[in-house]
Amino acid sequence: MSFWLFIAVVVVASIANGAFRHFQTQLTIRKAIEQGQTLDPETLERLLEMERPTPPPALPGLIIGGVVMLAIGAGLALMGWFMSQTRPADLWQGLGAGCLVGLIGAGLLTSSLLVRNAKE
């Protein structure tokens, strides 16, 4: 229960922080206009850019995640093979789990290619 409470607090705090930053930016713009200052488009764009979060690059994360998942899949398949030395039925369980995780890794790598092609 405390784990989910912690997650809820983090999410609410993040949303509140974003709303507060947005409010402060709008308040700054409003005060500048009330004082009679002219805001050129460059200054206004700079103020609004400060409030926008910069999205993290998706491509390296997809590639790293894909490679890690492929390695985990290979490890699970290899573990199934080693376990099958004493219990032959474990071979199929290990290969199945390894293939599932490996396919997730292949999907992540394919997604990274699609994202790269979409950006270009």
PDB file of N, CA and C in Angstrom:
ATOM      1  N   MET A   1       0.819  -1.185   0.000  1.00  0.00           N
ATOM      2  CA  MET A   1       0.000   0.000   0.000  1.00  0.00           C
ATOM      3  C   MET A   1       0.873   1.263   0.000  1.00  0.00           C
ATOM      4  N   SER A   2       1.947   1.222   0.769  1.00  0.00           N
ATOM      5  CA  SER A   2       2.798   2.414   0.851  1.00  0.00           C
ATOM      6  C   SER A   2       3.506   2.672  -0.480  1.00  0.00           C
ATOM      7  N   PHE A   3       3.804   1.608  -1.232  1.00  0.00           N
ATOM      8  CA  PHE A   3       4.420   1.797  -2.543  1.00  0.00           C
ATOM      9  C   PHE A   3       3.499   2.591  -3.461  1.00  0.00           C
ATOM     10  N   TRP A   4       2.227   2.197  -3.533  1.00  0.00           N
ATOM     11  CA  TRP A   4       1.288   2.891  -4.409  1.00  0.00           C
ATOM     12  C   TRP A   4       1.003   4.300  -3.917  1.00  0.00           C
ATOM     13  N   LEU A   5       1.027   4.488  -2.606  1.00  0.00           N
ATOM     14  CA  LEU A   5       0.872   5.831  -2.062  1.00  0.00           C
ATOM     15  C   LEU A   5       2.048   6.712  -2.477  1.00  0.00           C
ATOM     16  N   PHE A   6       3.249   6.155  -2.442  1.00  0.00           N
ATOM     17  CA  PHE A   6       4.433   6.890  -2.881  1.00  0.00           C
ATOM     18  C   PHE A   6       4.319   7.262  -4.365  1.00  0.00           C
ATOM     19  N   ILE A   7       3.894   6.314  -5.200  1.00  0.00           N
ATOM     20  CA  ILE A   7       3.718   6.597  -6.628  1.00  0.00           C
ATOM     21  C   ILE A   7       2.692   7.711  -6.826  1.00  0.00           C
ATOM     22  N   ALA A   8       1.587   7.661  -6.096  1.00  0.00           N
ATOM     23  CA  ALA A   8       0.556   8.696  -6.214  1.00  0.00           C
ATOM     24  C   ALA A   8       1.095  10.056  -5.810  1.00  0.00           C
ATOM     25  N   VAL A   9       1.881  10.109  -4.735  1.00  0.00           N
ATOM     26  CA  VAL A   9       2.454  11.385  -4.278  1.00  0.00           C
ATOM     27  C   VAL A   9       3.413  11.943  -5.329  1.00  0.00           C
ATOM     28  N   VAL A  10       4.226  11.086  -5.929  1.00  0.00           N
ATOM     29  CA  VAL A  10       5.169  11.541  -6.951  1.00  0.00           C
ATOM     30  C   VAL A  10       4.423  12.085  -8.165  1.00  0.00           C
ATOM     31  N   VAL A  11       3.381  11.394  -8.594  1.00  0.00           N
ATOM     32  CA  VAL A  11       2.615  11.849  -9.757  1.00  0.00           C
ATOM     33  C   VAL A  11       1.920  13.174  -9.466  1.00  0.00           C
ATOM     34  N   VAL A  12       1.291  13.274  -8.308  1.00  0.00           N
ATOM     35  CA  VAL A  12       0.597  14.519  -7.949  1.00  0.00           C
ATOM     36  C   VAL A  12       1.594  15.668  -7.818  1.00  0.00           C
ATOM     37  N   ALA A  13       2.746  15.419  -7.226  1.00  0.00           N
ATOM     38  CA  ALA A  13       3.759  16.468  -7.087  1.00  0.00           C
ATOM     39  C   ALA A  13       4.271  16.922  -8.447  1.00  0.00           C
ATOM     40  N   SER A  14       4.441  15.989  -9.366  1.00  0.00           N
ATOM     41  CA  SER A  14       4.903  16.345 -10.709  1.00  0.00           C
ATOM     42  C   SER A  14       3.868  17.205 -11.433  1.00  0.00           C
ATOM     43  N   ILE A  15       2.607  16.827 -11.329  1.00  0.00           N
ATOM     44  CA  ILE A  15       1.546  17.604 -11.972  1.00  0.00           C
ATOM     45  C   ILE A  15       1.445  18.988 -11.342  1.00  0.00           C
ATOM     46  N   ALA A  16       1.535  19.058 -10.011  1.00  0.00           N
ATOM     47  CA  ALA A  16       1.458  20.342  -9.326  1.00  0.00           C
ATOM     48  C   ALA A  16       2.632  21.238  -9.704  1.00  0.00           C
ATOM     49  N   ASN A  17       3.811  20.664  -9.843  1.00  0.00           N
ATOM     50  CA  ASN A  17       4.982  21.437 -10.237  1.00  0.00           C
ATOM     51  C   ASN A  17       4.801  22.011 -11.641  1.00  0.00           C
ATOM     52  N   GLY A  18       4.300  21.214 -12.568  1.00  0.00           N
ATOM     53  CA  GLY A  18       4.055  21.711 -13.923  1.00  0.00           C
ATOM     54  C   GLY A  18       3.025  22.829 -13.949  1.00  0.00           C
ATOM     55  N   ALA A  19       1.958  22.658 -13.177  1.00  0.00           N
ATOM     56  CA  ALA A  19       0.926  23.694 -13.121  1.00  0.00           C
ATOM     57  C   ALA A  19       1.470  24.971 -12.499  1.00  0.00           C
ATOM     58  N   PHE A  20       2.295  24.844 -11.463  1.00  0.00           N
ATOM     59  CA  PHE A  20       2.872  26.022 -10.813  1.00  0.00           C
ATOM     60  C   PHE A  20       3.810  26.763 -11.754  1.00  0.00           C
ATOM     61  N   ARG A  21       4.638  26.019 -12.487  1.00  0.00           N
ATOM     62  CA  ARG A  21       5.543  26.655 -13.446  1.00  0.00           C
ATOM     63  C   ARG A  21       4.759  27.380 -14.540  1.00  0.00           C
ATOM     64  N   HIS A  22       3.698  26.764 -15.021  1.00  0.00           N
ATOM     65  CA  HIS A  22       2.866  27.391 -16.043  1.00  0.00           C
ATOM     66  C   HIS A  22       2.240  28.675 -15.493  1.00  0.00           C
ATOM     67  N   PHE A  23       1.736  28.618 -14.267  1.00  0.00           N
ATOM     68  CA  PHE A  23       1.131  29.788 -13.644  1.00  0.00           C
ATOM     69  C   PHE A  23       2.146  30.914 -13.496  1.00  0.00           C
ATOM     70  N   GLN A  24       3.367  30.592 -13.073  1.00  0.00           N
ATOM     71  CA  GLN A  24       4.400  31.611 -12.891  1.00  0.00           C
ATOM     72  C   GLN A  24       4.785  32.262 -14.226  1.00  0.00           C
ATOM     73  N   THR A  25       4.874  31.489 -15.275  1.00  0.00           N
ATOM     74  CA  THR A  25       5.198  32.046 -16.591  1.00  0.00           C
ATOM     75  C   THR A  25       4.092  32.982 -17.057  1.00  0.00           C
ATOM     76  N   GLN A  26       2.844  32.545 -16.906  1.00  0.00           N
ATOM     77  CA  GLN A  26       1.728  33.397 -17.312  1.00  0.00           C
ATOM     78  C   GLN A  26       1.672  34.670 -16.471  1.00  0.00           C
ATOM     79  N   LEU A  27       1.999  34.550 -15.176  1.00  0.00           N
ATOM     80  CA  LEU A  27       2.012  35.722 -14.301  1.00  0.00           C
ATOM     81  C   LEU A  27       3.102  36.706 -14.725  1.00  0.00           C
ATOM     82  N   THR A  28       4.251  36.207 -15.109  1.00  0.00           N
ATOM     83  CA  THR A  28       5.347  37.070 -15.578  1.00  0.00           C
ATOM     84  C   THR A  28       4.940  37.811 -16.842  1.00  0.00           C
ATOM     85  N   ILE A  29       4.327  37.108 -17.774  1.00  0.00           N
ATOM     86  CA  ILE A  29       3.878  37.751 -19.020  1.00  0.00           C
ATOM     87  C   ILE A  29       2.810  38.791 -18.722  1.00  0.00           C
ATOM     88  N   ARG A  30       1.883  38.447 -17.844  1.00  0.00           N
ATOM     89  CA  ARG A  30       0.803  39.380 -17.507  1.00  0.00           C
ATOM     90  C   ARG A  30       1.348  40.647 -16.852  1.00  0.00           C
ATOM     91  N   LYS A  31       2.301  40.493 -15.913  1.00  0.00           N
ATOM     92  CA  LYS A  31       2.876  41.669 -15.248  1.00  0.00           C
ATOM     93  C   LYS A  31       3.627  42.556 -16.233  1.00  0.00           C
ATOM     94  N   ALA A  32       4.343  41.937 -17.161  1.00  0.00           N
ATOM     95  CA  ALA A  32       5.075  42.731 -18.152  1.00  0.00           C
ATOM     96  C   ALA A  32       4.106  43.535 -19.010  1.00  0.00           C
ATOM     97  N   ILE A  33       3.001  42.937 -19.393  1.00  0.00           N
ATOM     98  CA  ILE A  33       2.016  43.653 -20.215  1.00  0.00           C
ATOM     99  C   ILE A  33       1.355  44.763 -19.410  1.00  0.00           C
ATOM    100  N   GLU A  34       1.039  44.498 -18.131  1.00  0.00           N
ATOM    101  CA  GLU A  34       0.417  45.519 -17.292  1.00  0.00           C
ATOM    102  C   GLU A  34       1.331  46.713 -17.061  1.00  0.00           C
ATOM    103  N   GLN A  35       2.643  46.497 -17.038  1.00  0.00           N
ATOM    104  CA  GLN A  35       3.589  47.586 -16.829  1.00  0.00           C
ATOM    105  C   GLN A  35       3.872  48.331 -18.122  1.00  0.00           C
ATOM    106  N   GLY A  36       3.265  47.914 -19.198  1.00  0.00           N
ATOM    107  CA  GLY A  36       3.418  48.621 -20.456  1.00  0.00           C
ATOM    108  C   GLY A  36       4.624  48.208 -21.270  1.00  0.00           C
ATOM    109  N   GLN A  37       5.272  47.133 -20.895  1.00  0.00           N
ATOM    110  CA  GLN A  37       6.425  46.666 -21.658  1.00  0.00           C
ATOM    111  C   GLN A  37       5.923  45.915 -22.887  1.00  0.00           C
ATOM    112  N   THR A  38       6.639  46.109 -23.964  1.00  0.00           N
ATOM    113  CA  THR A  38       6.284  45.366 -25.171  1.00  0.00           C
ATOM    114  C   THR A  38       7.109  44.083 -25.210  1.00  0.00           C
ATOM    115  N   LEU A  39       6.431  43.011 -25.482  1.00  0.00           N
ATOM    116  CA  LEU A  39       7.106  41.713 -25.562  1.00  0.00           C
ATOM    117  C   LEU A  39       7.221  41.329 -27.029  1.00  0.00           C
ATOM    118  N   ASP A  40       8.433  41.358 -27.520  1.00  0.00           N
ATOM    119  CA  ASP A  40       8.632  40.940 -28.898  1.00  0.00           C
ATOM    120  C   ASP A  40       8.465  39.417 -28.989  1.00  0.00           C
ATOM    121  N   PRO A  41       8.230  38.899 -30.166  1.00  0.00           N
ATOM    122  CA  PRO A  41       7.993  37.455 -30.308  1.00  0.00           C
ATOM    123  C   PRO A  41       9.143  36.587 -29.791  1.00  0.00           C
ATOM    124  N   GLU A  42      10.390  37.088 -29.915  1.00  0.00           N
ATOM    125  CA  GLU A  42      11.531  36.305 -29.420  1.00  0.00           C
ATOM    126  C   GLU A  42      11.475  36.137 -27.905  1.00  0.00           C
ATOM    127  N   THR A  43      11.214  37.229 -27.193  1.00  0.00           N
ATOM    128  CA  THR A  43      11.149  37.174 -25.737  1.00  0.00           C
ATOM    129  C   THR A  43       9.987  36.300 -25.285  1.00  0.00           C
ATOM    130  N   LEU A  44       8.863  36.460 -25.922  1.00  0.00           N
ATOM    131  CA  LEU A  44       7.692  35.656 -25.575  1.00  0.00           C
ATOM    132  C   LEU A  44       7.956  34.170 -25.828  1.00  0.00           C
ATOM    133  N   GLU A  45       8.598  33.875 -26.939  1.00  0.00           N
ATOM    134  CA  GLU A  45       8.919  32.475 -27.256  1.00  0.00           C
ATOM    135  C   GLU A  45       9.906  31.903 -26.241  1.00  0.00           C
ATOM    136  N   ARG A  46      10.889  32.706 -25.817  1.00  0.00           N
ATOM    137  CA  ARG A  46      11.849  32.247 -24.817  1.00  0.00           C
ATOM    138  C   ARG A  46      11.161  31.948 -23.482  1.00  0.00           C
ATOM    139  N   LEU A  47      10.240  32.827 -23.087  1.00  0.00           N
ATOM    140  CA  LEU A  47       9.508  32.592 -21.842  1.00  0.00           C
ATOM    141  C   LEU A  47       8.669  31.321 -21.924  1.00  0.00           C
ATOM    142  N   LEU A  48       8.030  31.116 -23.062  1.00  0.00           N
ATOM    143  CA  LEU A  48       7.193  29.927 -23.208  1.00  0.00           C
ATOM    144  C   LEU A  48       8.026  28.661 -23.360  1.00  0.00           C
ATOM    145  N   GLU A  49       9.216  28.762 -23.935  1.00  0.00           N
ATOM    146  CA  GLU A  49      10.088  27.584 -24.067  1.00  0.00           C
ATOM    147  C   GLU A  49      10.591  27.125 -22.722  1.00  0.00           C
ATOM    148  N   MET A  50      10.807  28.071 -21.789  1.00  0.00           N
ATOM    149  CA  MET A  50      11.280  27.696 -20.462  1.00  0.00           C
ATOM    150  C   MET A  50      10.259  26.810 -19.754  1.00  0.00           C
ATOM    151  N   GLU A  51       8.993  26.998 -20.051  1.00  0.00           N
ATOM    152  CA  GLU A  51       7.961  26.224 -19.362  1.00  0.00           C
ATOM    153  C   GLU A  51       7.744  24.861 -20.004  1.00  0.00           C
ATOM    154  N   ARG A  52       8.065  24.724 -21.281  1.00  0.00           N
ATOM    155  CA  ARG A  52       7.879  23.436 -21.958  1.00  0.00           C
ATOM    156  C   ARG A  52       8.985  22.464 -21.561  1.00  0.00           C
ATOM    157  N   PRO A  53       8.606  21.269 -21.154  1.00  0.00           N
ATOM    158  CA  PRO A  53       9.656  20.294 -20.855  1.00  0.00           C
ATOM    159  C   PRO A  53      10.280  19.792 -22.147  1.00  0.00           C
ATOM    160  N   THR A  54      11.562  19.569 -22.111  1.00  0.00           N
ATOM    161  CA  THR A  54      12.230  19.041 -23.294  1.00  0.00           C
ATOM    162  C   THR A  54      12.079  17.528 -23.291  1.00  0.00           C
ATOM    163  N   PRO A  55      11.531  16.964 -24.346  1.00  0.00           N
ATOM    164  CA  PRO A  55      11.347  15.514 -24.359  1.00  0.00           C
ATOM    165  C   PRO A  55      12.684  14.802 -24.488  1.00  0.00           C
ATOM    166  N   PRO A  56      12.835  13.698 -23.786  1.00  0.00           N
ATOM    167  CA  PRO A  56      14.093  12.958 -23.897  1.00  0.00           C
ATOM    168  C   PRO A  56      14.191  12.304 -25.265  1.00  0.00           C
ATOM    169  N   PRO A  57      15.386  12.128 -25.768  1.00  0.00           N
ATOM    170  CA  PRO A  57      15.518  11.470 -27.059  1.00  0.00           C
ATOM    171  C   PRO A  57      15.060  10.020 -26.953  1.00  0.00           C
ATOM    172  N   ALA A  58      14.165   9.622 -27.838  1.00  0.00           N
ATOM    173  CA  ALA A  58      13.590   8.277 -27.768  1.00  0.00           C
ATOM    174  C   ALA A  58      14.510   7.235 -28.376  1.00  0.00           C
ATOM    175  N   LEU A  59      15.310   7.625 -29.330  1.00  0.00           N
ATOM    176  CA  LEU A  59      16.089   6.653 -30.092  1.00  0.00           C
ATOM    177  C   LEU A  59      17.106   5.892 -29.254  1.00  0.00           C
ATOM    178  N   PRO A  60      17.994   6.542 -28.474  1.00  0.00           N
ATOM    179  CA  PRO A  60      18.966   5.755 -27.709  1.00  0.00           C
ATOM    180  C   PRO A  60      18.304   4.826 -26.700  1.00  0.00           C
ATOM    181  N   GLY A  61      17.209   5.274 -26.085  1.00  0.00           N
ATOM    182  CA  GLY A  61      16.520   4.428 -25.118  1.00  0.00           C
ATOM    183  C   GLY A  61      15.950   3.182 -25.754  1.00  0.00           C
ATOM    184  N   LEU A  62      15.419   3.313 -26.949  1.00  0.00           N
ATOM    185  CA  LEU A  62      14.868   2.146 -27.639  1.00  0.00           C
ATOM    186  C   LEU A  62      15.969   1.169 -28.031  1.00  0.00           C
ATOM    187  N   ILE A  63      17.075   1.693 -28.497  1.00  0.00           N
ATOM    188  CA  ILE A  63      18.181   0.812 -28.910  1.00  0.00           C
ATOM    189  C   ILE A  63      18.761   0.091 -27.695  1.00  0.00           C
ATOM    190  N   ILE A  64      19.012   0.832 -26.625  1.00  0.00           N
ATOM    191  CA  ILE A  64      19.581   0.216 -25.423  1.00  0.00           C
ATOM    192  C   ILE A  64      18.611  -0.813 -24.847  1.00  0.00           C
ATOM    193  N   GLY A  65      17.341  -0.456 -24.769  1.00  0.00           N
ATOM    194  CA  GLY A  65      16.349  -1.396 -24.262  1.00  0.00           C
ATOM    195  C   GLY A  65      16.254  -2.644 -25.122  1.00  0.00           C
ATOM    196  N   GLY A  66      16.309  -2.467 -26.440  1.00  0.00           N
ATOM    197  CA  GLY A  66      16.243  -3.613 -27.338  1.00  0.00           C
ATOM    198  C   GLY A  66      17.422  -4.543 -27.185  1.00  0.00           C
ATOM    199  N   VAL A  67      18.614  -3.982 -27.067  1.00  0.00           N
ATOM    200  CA  VAL A  67      19.813  -4.811 -26.913  1.00  0.00           C
ATOM    201  C   VAL A  67      19.771  -5.552 -25.578  1.00  0.00           C
ATOM    202  N   VAL A  68      19.359  -4.857 -24.515  1.00  0.00           N
ATOM    203  CA  VAL A  68      19.280  -5.495 -23.201  1.00  0.00           C
ATOM    204  C   VAL A  68      18.260  -6.631 -23.220  1.00  0.00           C
ATOM    205  N   MET A  69      17.105  -6.395 -23.836  1.00  0.00           N
ATOM    206  CA  MET A  69      16.077  -7.439 -23.882  1.00  0.00           C
ATOM    207  C   MET A  69      16.542  -8.634 -24.713  1.00  0.00           C
ATOM    208  N   LEU A  70      17.256  -8.397 -25.799  1.00  0.00           N
ATOM    209  CA  LEU A  70      17.792  -9.517 -26.574  1.00  0.00           C
ATOM    210  C   LEU A  70      18.782 -10.330 -25.747  1.00  0.00           C
ATOM    211  N   ALA A  71      19.622  -9.650 -24.976  1.00  0.00           N
ATOM    212  CA  ALA A  71      20.591 -10.357 -24.133  1.00  0.00           C
ATOM    213  C   ALA A  71      19.878 -11.161 -23.042  1.00  0.00           C
ATOM    214  N   ILE A  72      18.849 -10.588 -22.453  1.00  0.00           N
ATOM    215  CA  ILE A  72      18.093 -11.313 -21.433  1.00  0.00           C
ATOM    216  C   ILE A  72      17.400 -12.523 -22.052  1.00  0.00           C
ATOM    217  N   GLY A  73      16.834 -12.356 -23.241  1.00  0.00           N
ATOM    218  CA  GLY A  73      16.192 -13.476 -23.922  1.00  0.00           C
ATOM    219  C   GLY A  73      17.155 -14.608 -24.205  1.00  0.00           C
ATOM    220  N   ALA A  74      18.355 -14.246 -24.651  1.00  0.00           N
ATOM    221  CA  ALA A  74      19.362 -15.278 -24.912  1.00  0.00           C
ATOM    222  C   ALA A  74      19.768 -15.964 -23.607  1.00  0.00           C
ATOM    223  N   GLY A  75      19.864 -15.199 -22.533  1.00  0.00           N
ATOM    224  CA  GLY A  75      20.215 -15.770 -21.240  1.00  0.00           C
ATOM    225  C   GLY A  75      19.145 -16.724 -20.725  1.00  0.00           C
ATOM    226  N   LEU A  76      17.881 -16.360 -20.919  1.00  0.00           N
ATOM    227  CA  LEU A  76      16.805 -17.248 -20.488  1.00  0.00           C
ATOM    228  C   LEU A  76      16.794 -18.537 -21.306  1.00  0.00           C
ATOM    229  N   ALA A  77      17.012 -18.434 -22.601  1.00  0.00           N
ATOM    230  CA  ALA A  77      17.054 -19.632 -23.436  1.00  0.00           C
ATOM    231  C   ALA A  77      18.223 -20.522 -23.032  1.00  0.00           C
ATOM    232  N   LEU A  78      19.363 -19.912 -22.761  1.00  0.00           N
ATOM    233  CA  LEU A  78      20.541 -20.673 -22.328  1.00  0.00           C
ATOM    234  C   LEU A  78      20.299 -21.313 -20.960  1.00  0.00           C
ATOM    235  N   MET A  79      19.624 -20.597 -20.082  1.00  0.00           N
ATOM    236  CA  MET A  79      19.296 -21.150 -18.776  1.00  0.00           C
ATOM    237  C   MET A  79      18.370 -22.363 -18.921  1.00  0.00           C
ATOM    238  N   GLY A  80      17.397 -22.278 -19.844  1.00  0.00           N
ATOM    239  CA  GLY A  80      16.526 -23.418 -20.102  1.00  0.00           C
ATOM    240  C   GLY A  80      17.302 -24.621 -20.601  1.00  0.00           C
ATOM    241  N   TRP A  81      18.305 -24.374 -21.440  1.00  0.00           N
ATOM    242  CA  TRP A  81      19.111 -25.486 -21.944  1.00  0.00           C
ATOM    243  C   TRP A  81      19.910 -26.135 -20.816  1.00  0.00           C
ATOM    244  N   PHE A  82      20.514 -25.284 -19.946  1.00  0.00           N
ATOM    245  CA  PHE A  82      21.279 -25.841 -18.827  1.00  0.00           C
ATOM    246  C   PHE A  82      20.380 -26.608 -17.865  1.00  0.00           C
ATOM    247  N   MET A  83      19.187 -26.089 -17.607  1.00  0.00           N
ATOM    248  CA  MET A  83      18.273 -26.774 -16.699  1.00  0.00           C
ATOM    249  C   MET A  83      17.749 -28.070 -17.299  1.00  0.00           C
ATOM    250  N   SER A  84      17.715 -28.158 -18.612  1.00  0.00           N
ATOM    251  CA  SER A  84      17.204 -29.373 -19.255  1.00  0.00           C
ATOM    252  C   SER A  84      18.160 -30.550 -19.106  1.00  0.00           C
ATOM    253  N   GLN A  85      19.360 -30.290 -18.649  1.00  0.00           N
ATOM    254  CA  GLN A  85      20.311 -31.378 -18.440  1.00  0.00           C
ATOM    255  C   GLN A  85      19.838 -32.303 -17.331  1.00  0.00           C
ATOM    256  N   THR A  86      19.112 -31.747 -16.352  1.00  0.00           N
ATOM    257  CA  THR A  86      18.591 -32.578 -15.264  1.00  0.00           C
ATOM    258  C   THR A  86      17.101 -32.851 -15.414  1.00  0.00           C
ATOM    259  N   ARG A  87      16.366 -31.886 -15.993  1.00  0.00           N
ATOM    260  CA  ARG A  87      14.926 -32.062 -16.224  1.00  0.00           C
ATOM    261  C   ARG A  87      14.629 -31.658 -17.663  1.00  0.00           C
ATOM    262  N   PRO A  88      14.438 -32.603 -18.556  1.00  0.00           N
ATOM    263  CA  PRO A  88      14.276 -32.301 -19.984  1.00  0.00           C
ATOM    264  C   PRO A  88      13.090 -31.385 -20.314  1.00  0.00           C
ATOM    265  N   ALA A  89      12.063 -31.369 -19.494  1.00  0.00           N
ATOM    266  CA  ALA A  89      10.895 -30.524 -19.780  1.00  0.00           C
ATOM    267  C   ALA A  89      11.219 -29.037 -19.632  1.00  0.00           C
ATOM    268  N   ASP A  90      12.258 -28.704 -18.893  1.00  0.00           N
ATOM    269  CA  ASP A  90      12.611 -27.300 -18.677  1.00  0.00           C
ATOM    270  C   ASP A  90      13.175 -26.632 -19.922  1.00  0.00           C
ATOM    271  N   LEU A  91      13.594 -27.429 -20.884  1.00  0.00           N
ATOM    272  CA  LEU A  91      14.139 -26.850 -22.110  1.00  0.00           C
ATOM    273  C   LEU A  91      13.101 -25.974 -22.791  1.00  0.00           C
ATOM    274  N   TRP A  92      11.887 -26.464 -22.923  1.00  0.00           N
ATOM    275  CA  TRP A  92      10.854 -25.713 -23.648  1.00  0.00           C
ATOM    276  C   TRP A  92      10.400 -24.483 -22.873  1.00  0.00           C
ATOM    277  N   GLN A  93      10.406 -24.575 -21.564  1.00  0.00           N
ATOM    278  CA  GLN A  93      10.041 -23.403 -20.765  1.00  0.00           C
ATOM    279  C   GLN A  93      11.089 -22.302 -20.914  1.00  0.00           C
ATOM    280  N   GLY A  94      12.346 -22.676 -20.864  1.00  0.00           N
ATOM    281  CA  GLY A  94      13.416 -21.691 -21.019  1.00  0.00           C
ATOM    282  C   GLY A  94      13.445 -21.095 -22.407  1.00  0.00           C
ATOM    283  N   LEU A  95      13.263 -21.951 -23.421  1.00  0.00           N
ATOM    284  CA  LEU A  95      13.234 -21.434 -24.794  1.00  0.00           C
ATOM    285  C   LEU A  95      12.031 -20.528 -25.025  1.00  0.00           C
ATOM    286  N   GLY A  96      10.888 -20.896 -24.454  1.00  0.00           N
ATOM    287  CA  GLY A  96       9.691 -20.060 -24.608  1.00  0.00           C
ATOM    288  C   GLY A  96       9.860 -18.693 -23.970  1.00  0.00           C
ATOM    289  N   ALA A  97      10.367 -18.674 -22.743  1.00  0.00           N
ATOM    290  CA  ALA A  97      10.584 -17.387 -22.061  1.00  0.00           C
ATOM    291  C   ALA A  97      11.638 -16.564 -22.785  1.00  0.00           C
ATOM    292  N   GLY A  98      12.705 -17.235 -23.240  1.00  0.00           N
ATOM    293  CA  GLY A  98      13.756 -16.518 -23.960  1.00  0.00           C
ATOM    294  C   GLY A  98      13.264 -15.935 -25.263  1.00  0.00           C
ATOM    295  N   CYS A  99      12.448 -16.703 -25.984  1.00  0.00           N
ATOM    296  CA  CYS A  99      11.898 -16.193 -27.250  1.00  0.00           C
ATOM    297  C   CYS A  99      10.961 -15.021 -27.014  1.00  0.00           C
ATOM    298  N   LEU A 100      10.148 -15.098 -25.972  1.00  0.00           N
ATOM    299  CA  LEU A 100       9.222 -13.999 -25.672  1.00  0.00           C
ATOM    300  C   LEU A 100       9.987 -12.712 -25.382  1.00  0.00           C
ATOM    301  N   VAL A 101      10.971 -12.791 -24.520  1.00  0.00           N
ATOM    302  CA  VAL A 101      11.745 -11.597 -24.174  1.00  0.00           C
ATOM    303  C   VAL A 101      12.570 -11.134 -25.374  1.00  0.00           C
ATOM    304  N   GLY A 102      13.114 -12.079 -26.152  1.00  0.00           N
ATOM    305  CA  GLY A 102      13.873 -11.715 -27.345  1.00  0.00           C
ATOM    306  C   GLY A 102      13.018 -11.011 -28.382  1.00  0.00           C
ATOM    307  N   LEU A 103      11.765 -11.443 -28.519  1.00  0.00           N
ATOM    308  CA  LEU A 103      10.867 -10.764 -29.465  1.00  0.00           C
ATOM    309  C   LEU A 103      10.523  -9.355 -29.000  1.00  0.00           C
ATOM    310  N   ILE A 104      10.425  -9.157 -27.707  1.00  0.00           N
ATOM    311  CA  ILE A 104      10.219  -7.796 -27.198  1.00  0.00           C
ATOM    312  C   ILE A 104      11.426  -6.923 -27.554  1.00  0.00           C
ATOM    313  N   GLY A 105      12.628  -7.481 -27.394  1.00  0.00           N
ATOM    314  CA  GLY A 105      13.838  -6.746 -27.772  1.00  0.00           C
ATOM    315  C   GLY A 105      13.874  -6.445 -29.257  1.00  0.00           C
ATOM    316  N   ALA A 106      13.467  -7.407 -30.080  1.00  0.00           N
ATOM    317  CA  ALA A 106      13.428  -7.169 -31.528  1.00  0.00           C
ATOM    318  C   ALA A 106      12.410  -6.083 -31.863  1.00  0.00           C
ATOM    319  N   GLY A 107      11.294  -6.078 -31.147  1.00  0.00           N
ATOM    320  CA  GLY A 107      10.297  -5.020 -31.354  1.00  0.00           C
ATOM    321  C   GLY A 107      10.823  -3.649 -30.991  1.00  0.00           C
ATOM    322  N   LEU A 108      11.588  -3.569 -29.908  1.00  0.00           N
ATOM    323  CA  LEU A 108      12.180  -2.283 -29.520  1.00  0.00           C
ATOM    324  C   LEU A 108      13.194  -1.800 -30.556  1.00  0.00           C
ATOM    325  N   LEU A 109      14.005  -2.711 -31.058  1.00  0.00           N
ATOM    326  CA  LEU A 109      14.981  -2.326 -32.089  1.00  0.00           C
ATOM    327  C   LEU A 109      14.279  -1.901 -33.372  1.00  0.00           C
ATOM    328  N   THR A 110      13.215  -2.591 -33.749  1.00  0.00           N
ATOM    329  CA  THR A 110      12.439  -2.199 -34.930  1.00  0.00           C
ATOM    330  C   THR A 110      11.811  -0.827 -34.714  1.00  0.00           C
ATOM    331  N   SER A 111      11.301  -0.584 -33.513  1.00  0.00           N
ATOM    332  CA  SER A 111      10.720   0.729 -33.203  1.00  0.00           C
ATOM    333  C   SER A 111      11.756   1.832 -33.320  1.00  0.00           C
ATOM    334  N   SER A 112      12.994   1.546 -32.906  1.00  0.00           N
ATOM    335  CA  SER A 112      14.033   2.575 -33.014  1.00  0.00           C
ATOM    336  C   SER A 112      14.310   2.911 -34.473  1.00  0.00           C
ATOM    337  N   LEU A 113      14.259   1.903 -35.343  1.00  0.00           N
ATOM    338  CA  LEU A 113      14.432   2.176 -36.785  1.00  0.00           C
ATOM    339  C   LEU A 113      13.282   2.999 -37.329  1.00  0.00           C
ATOM    340  N   LEU A 114      12.061   2.690 -36.897  1.00  0.00           N
ATOM    341  CA  LEU A 114      10.907   3.445 -37.380  1.00  0.00           C
ATOM    342  C   LEU A 114      10.942   4.886 -36.891  1.00  0.00           C
ATOM    343  N   VAL A 115      11.367   5.091 -35.650  1.00  0.00           N
ATOM    344  CA  VAL A 115      11.456   6.455 -35.121  1.00  0.00           C
ATOM    345  C   VAL A 115      12.530   7.237 -35.859  1.00  0.00           C
ATOM    346  N   ARG A 116      13.666   6.581 -36.142  1.00  0.00           N
ATOM    347  CA  ARG A 116      14.733   7.262 -36.860  1.00  0.00           C
ATOM    348  C   ARG A 116      14.262   7.644 -38.261  1.00  0.00           C
ATOM    349  N   ASN A 117      13.566   6.755 -38.949  1.00  0.00           N
ATOM    350  CA  ASN A 117      13.069   7.061 -40.300  1.00  0.00           C
ATOM    351  C   ASN A 117      12.023   8.147 -40.258  1.00  0.00           C
ATOM    352  N   ALA A 118      11.194   8.188 -39.218  1.00  0.00           N
ATOM    353  CA  ALA A 118      10.171   9.228 -39.116  1.00  0.00           C
ATOM    354  C   ALA A 118      10.796  10.584 -38.858  1.00  0.00           C
ATOM    355  N   LYS A 119      11.902  10.631 -38.098  1.00  0.00           N
ATOM    356  CA  LYS A 119      12.567  11.909 -37.837  1.00  0.00           C
ATOM    357  C   LYS A 119      13.246  12.451 -39.085  1.00  0.00           C
ATOM    358  N   GLU A 120      13.759  11.544 -39.906  1.00  0.00           N
ATOM    359  CA  GLU A 120      14.459  11.995 -41.121  1.00  0.00           C
ATOM    360  C   GLU A 120      13.445  12.419 -42.133  1.00  0.00           C
TER     361      GLU A 120
END
